[in-house]
N, C-alpha and C. Protein backbone atom coordinates (compact mmCIF):
# COMPACT_ATOMS: atom_id res chain seq x y z
N MET A 1 127.49 157.19 54.87
CA MET A 1 126.58 157.96 54.31
C MET A 1 127.65 158.20 53.76
N LEU A 2 127.31 158.45 52.17
CA LEU A 2 128.83 158.71 51.48
C LEU A 2 129.48 159.71 51.55
N THR A 3 130.57 160.00 51.09
CA THR A 3 131.46 160.91 51.58
C THR A 3 132.20 161.10 49.62
N LEU A 4 132.87 162.57 49.64
CA LEU A 4 133.41 162.74 48.25
C LEU A 4 134.92 162.95 48.55
N THR A 5 135.53 162.63 47.69
CA THR A 5 137.03 163.10 47.59
C THR A 5 137.06 164.75 47.52
N ASP A 6 138.33 165.28 47.67
CA ASP A 6 138.36 166.74 47.22
C ASP A 6 137.99 167.06 45.86
N GLN A 7 138.66 165.83 44.61
CA GLN A 7 138.31 166.12 43.63
C GLN A 7 136.63 166.11 43.07
N ALA A 8 136.25 165.23 43.33
CA ALA A 8 134.38 165.11 43.24
C ALA A 8 133.79 166.15 44.00
N THR A 9 134.46 166.61 45.03
CA THR A 9 133.65 167.94 45.80
C THR A 9 133.87 168.86 44.92
N ASP A 10 135.13 169.56 43.95
CA ASP A 10 134.94 170.23 42.68
C ASP A 10 134.85 170.25 41.74
N VAL A 11 134.25 169.14 41.41
CA VAL A 11 133.50 168.13 39.68
C VAL A 11 132.04 168.82 39.95
N VAL A 12 131.55 168.54 41.18
CA VAL A 12 130.42 168.55 41.56
C VAL A 12 130.34 170.18 41.92
N LYS A 13 130.94 170.67 42.26
CA LYS A 13 130.30 172.66 42.33
C LYS A 13 130.60 172.84 40.49
N THR A 14 131.54 172.50 40.11
CA THR A 14 131.79 173.17 38.88
C THR A 14 130.41 172.88 37.83
N ILE A 15 129.66 171.66 38.08
CA ILE A 15 129.19 170.68 37.55
C ILE A 15 127.56 171.74 37.60
N THR A 16 127.62 171.89 39.08
CA THR A 16 126.39 172.80 39.19
C THR A 16 126.05 174.05 38.94
N ALA A 17 127.41 174.51 38.55
CA ALA A 17 127.99 176.26 38.68
C ALA A 17 127.10 176.53 37.26
N GLN A 18 127.86 175.25 36.51
CA GLN A 18 127.49 175.70 34.93
C GLN A 18 126.16 175.32 34.09
N THR A 19 125.27 174.44 35.26
CA THR A 19 124.19 173.63 34.64
C THR A 19 123.18 174.16 35.50
N THR A 20 122.82 175.05 36.46
CA THR A 20 122.07 175.08 37.15
C THR A 20 121.52 176.48 38.14
N GLU A 21 121.05 177.31 38.49
CA GLU A 21 121.06 177.96 39.00
C GLU A 21 119.93 177.84 40.28
N GLY A 22 120.71 179.17 40.93
CA GLY A 22 119.69 179.21 42.46
C GLY A 22 120.80 177.96 43.90
N GLU A 23 120.59 178.87 44.64
CA GLU A 23 121.26 178.24 45.47
C GLU A 23 120.90 176.75 46.26
N ALA A 24 120.08 176.51 46.24
CA ALA A 24 119.16 174.90 46.35
C ALA A 24 119.94 173.83 45.60
N ALA A 25 120.67 174.25 44.55
CA ALA A 25 120.89 173.50 43.17
C ALA A 25 122.20 172.53 43.63
N GLY A 26 122.18 171.36 42.91
CA GLY A 26 123.29 170.05 43.14
C GLY A 26 123.05 169.18 41.99
N LEU A 27 123.63 168.28 42.38
CA LEU A 27 123.59 166.70 41.55
C LEU A 27 122.57 165.90 42.31
N ARG A 28 122.09 165.10 41.44
CA ARG A 28 120.80 164.12 42.39
C ARG A 28 121.29 162.99 41.30
N ILE A 29 121.74 161.89 42.64
CA ILE A 29 121.57 160.58 42.09
C ILE A 29 120.72 159.60 42.44
N SER A 30 120.10 159.01 41.55
CA SER A 30 118.91 158.33 41.78
C SER A 30 119.23 156.91 40.67
N GLN A 31 117.92 156.01 41.03
CA GLN A 31 118.02 155.07 40.49
C GLN A 31 117.43 155.24 39.04
N GLN A 32 117.84 154.33 37.92
CA GLN A 32 117.47 155.29 36.62
C GLN A 32 116.33 154.36 36.24
N GLU A 33 115.59 154.81 35.58
CA GLU A 33 113.57 154.04 35.22
C GLU A 33 114.22 153.13 34.38
N THR A 34 115.01 153.15 33.50
CA THR A 34 115.41 152.44 32.00
C THR A 34 116.44 150.90 32.54
N ASP A 35 116.92 151.22 34.17
CA ASP A 35 117.89 150.40 34.42
C ASP A 35 117.62 150.27 35.96
N PRO A 36 116.65 149.73 36.62
CA PRO A 36 116.70 149.20 38.01
C PRO A 36 118.03 149.11 38.89
N ASN A 37 118.99 148.92 38.19
CA ASN A 37 120.03 148.16 38.99
C ASN A 37 121.25 149.50 38.45
N ALA A 38 120.73 150.56 37.88
CA ALA A 38 121.60 151.38 37.59
C ALA A 38 121.14 152.40 38.79
N LEU A 39 122.21 153.80 38.43
CA LEU A 39 122.46 154.99 39.56
C LEU A 39 122.78 155.83 38.48
N GLY A 40 122.03 156.94 38.17
CA GLY A 40 122.14 158.48 37.62
C GLY A 40 122.38 159.61 38.14
N LEU A 41 123.04 160.64 37.62
CA LEU A 41 123.61 161.68 38.43
C LEU A 41 123.16 162.60 37.35
N THR A 42 122.46 163.73 37.34
CA THR A 42 121.75 164.96 37.00
C THR A 42 121.69 166.38 37.76
N PRO A 43 121.95 167.11 37.05
CA PRO A 43 121.91 168.16 37.83
C PRO A 43 120.67 168.64 38.03
N VAL A 44 119.76 169.32 39.07
CA VAL A 44 119.01 169.81 40.00
C VAL A 44 118.62 170.95 40.26
N GLU A 45 117.63 171.74 40.40
CA GLU A 45 117.92 172.73 41.23
C GLU A 45 117.39 172.62 42.71
N SER A 46 117.02 171.37 42.97
CA SER A 46 116.69 171.16 44.02
C SER A 46 116.55 169.99 44.69
N PRO A 47 116.33 169.57 45.66
CA PRO A 47 116.18 168.39 45.71
C PRO A 47 115.00 167.95 46.26
N GLN A 48 114.28 166.62 45.68
CA GLN A 48 113.06 165.91 45.60
C GLN A 48 112.65 165.41 47.12
N PRO A 49 111.73 165.30 47.42
CA PRO A 49 110.99 165.17 48.99
C PRO A 49 111.60 163.86 48.88
N GLY A 50 112.44 163.61 49.99
CA GLY A 50 112.53 161.82 50.44
C GLY A 50 114.26 162.04 50.46
N ASP A 51 114.74 162.59 49.68
CA ASP A 51 116.01 162.66 49.19
C ASP A 51 116.83 162.80 51.07
N GLN A 52 118.04 162.47 50.48
CA GLN A 52 119.05 162.93 51.19
C GLN A 52 120.24 163.97 50.63
N VAL A 53 120.22 164.78 51.59
CA VAL A 53 120.87 165.88 51.37
C VAL A 53 122.98 166.13 51.68
N LEU A 54 123.26 165.54 50.44
CA LEU A 54 124.71 166.07 51.01
C LEU A 54 125.33 167.11 50.93
N GLU A 55 126.43 167.70 51.69
CA GLU A 55 126.79 168.94 51.46
C GLU A 55 128.18 168.76 51.91
N ALA A 56 129.60 169.18 50.98
CA ALA A 56 130.88 168.92 51.14
C ALA A 56 131.36 170.10 50.60
N ASP A 57 131.58 171.23 51.12
CA ASP A 57 132.70 172.23 51.16
C ASP A 57 132.31 173.07 49.90
N GLY A 58 130.79 173.54 49.95
CA GLY A 58 129.68 174.08 48.88
C GLY A 58 129.08 173.45 47.81
N ALA A 59 129.32 171.53 47.47
CA ALA A 59 129.36 171.47 46.29
C ALA A 59 127.52 170.03 47.37
N ARG A 60 126.83 169.94 46.51
CA ARG A 60 125.91 169.47 47.47
C ARG A 60 125.54 168.55 46.33
N LEU A 61 125.22 167.44 47.11
CA LEU A 61 124.59 165.80 46.14
C LEU A 61 123.25 165.83 46.84
N PHE A 62 122.00 165.52 46.07
CA PHE A 62 121.17 164.55 46.37
C PHE A 62 120.38 163.03 46.52
N LEU A 63 120.42 162.39 47.32
CA LEU A 63 120.43 161.05 46.48
C LEU A 63 119.56 160.57 47.06
N ASP A 64 118.66 160.18 46.42
CA ASP A 64 116.94 159.14 46.11
C ASP A 64 117.14 158.18 47.53
N PRO A 65 116.09 157.98 47.90
CA PRO A 65 116.04 156.60 48.75
C PRO A 65 117.11 155.50 48.66
N THR A 66 117.05 154.75 46.99
CA THR A 66 117.47 153.64 46.75
C THR A 66 119.12 153.93 46.79
N ALA A 67 119.40 154.87 45.99
CA ALA A 67 121.12 155.65 46.20
C ALA A 67 121.55 155.58 47.48
N ALA A 68 121.00 156.55 48.18
CA ALA A 68 121.23 156.29 50.21
C ALA A 68 121.98 155.17 50.11
N ILE A 69 120.40 154.12 49.81
CA ILE A 69 120.89 152.90 50.62
C ILE A 69 121.94 152.46 49.99
N ALA A 70 122.07 152.59 48.65
CA ALA A 70 123.52 151.56 47.79
C ALA A 70 124.73 152.10 48.46
N LEU A 71 124.90 153.99 48.46
CA LEU A 71 125.90 154.34 48.36
C LEU A 71 126.20 154.77 49.93
N ASP A 72 125.59 153.85 50.96
CA ASP A 72 125.88 153.91 52.25
C ASP A 72 127.26 153.89 52.34
N ASN A 73 127.93 154.44 53.25
CA ASN A 73 129.74 153.58 53.28
C ASN A 73 130.59 153.97 52.20
N GLU A 74 129.94 154.63 51.31
CA GLU A 74 130.86 154.42 49.98
C GLU A 74 131.69 155.91 49.90
N VAL A 75 132.66 155.92 48.82
CA VAL A 75 133.04 157.13 48.50
C VAL A 75 132.77 157.13 47.06
N LEU A 76 132.81 158.80 46.79
CA LEU A 76 132.57 159.04 45.35
C LEU A 76 133.92 160.08 44.77
N ASP A 77 134.47 159.31 43.72
CA ASP A 77 135.33 160.16 43.58
C ASP A 77 135.55 160.48 42.21
N ALA A 78 135.96 161.92 41.32
CA ALA A 78 135.71 161.95 40.40
C ALA A 78 137.53 162.09 39.37
N GLN A 79 137.13 161.89 38.05
CA GLN A 79 138.58 162.56 37.03
C GLN A 79 138.02 162.94 36.13
N VAL A 80 138.76 163.78 35.87
CA VAL A 80 138.64 164.84 34.53
C VAL A 80 139.87 164.16 33.56
N ASP A 81 139.44 164.20 32.61
CA ASP A 81 140.67 164.16 31.20
C ASP A 81 141.11 164.91 30.38
N GLU A 82 141.68 164.91 29.57
CA GLU A 82 142.18 166.32 28.87
C GLU A 82 141.59 166.75 27.88
N ALA A 83 139.94 166.15 27.91
CA ALA A 83 139.43 166.45 26.95
C ALA A 83 138.14 167.47 27.43
N GLY A 84 138.04 167.45 29.30
CA GLY A 84 137.28 168.03 29.71
C GLY A 84 135.92 167.05 30.37
N THR A 85 136.26 165.84 30.10
CA THR A 85 134.79 165.00 30.05
C THR A 85 135.53 164.17 31.35
N VAL A 86 133.95 163.93 32.49
CA VAL A 86 133.96 163.84 33.70
C VAL A 86 133.35 162.41 33.84
N GLN A 87 134.31 161.55 34.63
CA GLN A 87 134.24 160.23 35.18
C GLN A 87 134.02 160.14 36.42
N PHE A 88 132.82 159.41 36.72
CA PHE A 88 133.04 159.60 38.16
C PHE A 88 133.07 157.98 39.03
N GLY A 89 133.14 158.00 40.12
CA GLY A 89 133.76 156.35 40.42
C GLY A 89 133.39 156.31 41.84
N ILE A 90 132.88 155.14 42.09
CA ILE A 90 132.16 154.72 43.56
C ILE A 90 133.49 154.00 43.98
N GLY A 91 133.92 153.96 45.34
CA GLY A 91 134.47 152.83 46.04
C GLY A 91 133.96 152.51 47.37
N PRO A 92 134.94 151.91 48.07
CA PRO A 92 134.72 151.62 49.62
C PRO A 92 135.54 152.57 50.27
N LYS A 93 134.89 152.83 51.67
CA LYS A 93 136.07 153.74 52.73
C LYS A 93 136.64 152.84 53.12
N ASP A 94 138.10 154.07 52.93
CA ASP A 94 139.09 152.52 53.52
C ASP A 94 139.34 152.14 55.22
């Protein structure tokens, strides 16, 4: 199952709070329609049927079935640069 670093947890909570409303909101990781080999991240109000729901210290992630399989045993990290731009990265668990 995907895990989050502390930095990723903070960034997910911040993005969700700034772009969605409601307690069921989170970020959804899903296969991109334009590129089946790519995953995208989108703020949403609630998970879709079939999504795997991950919660970590108040951060909520929803993974579509393709993302759940692709990200099994991975770690999600996030970096924020001086301009406030967020970049997510995925790597293997240690």
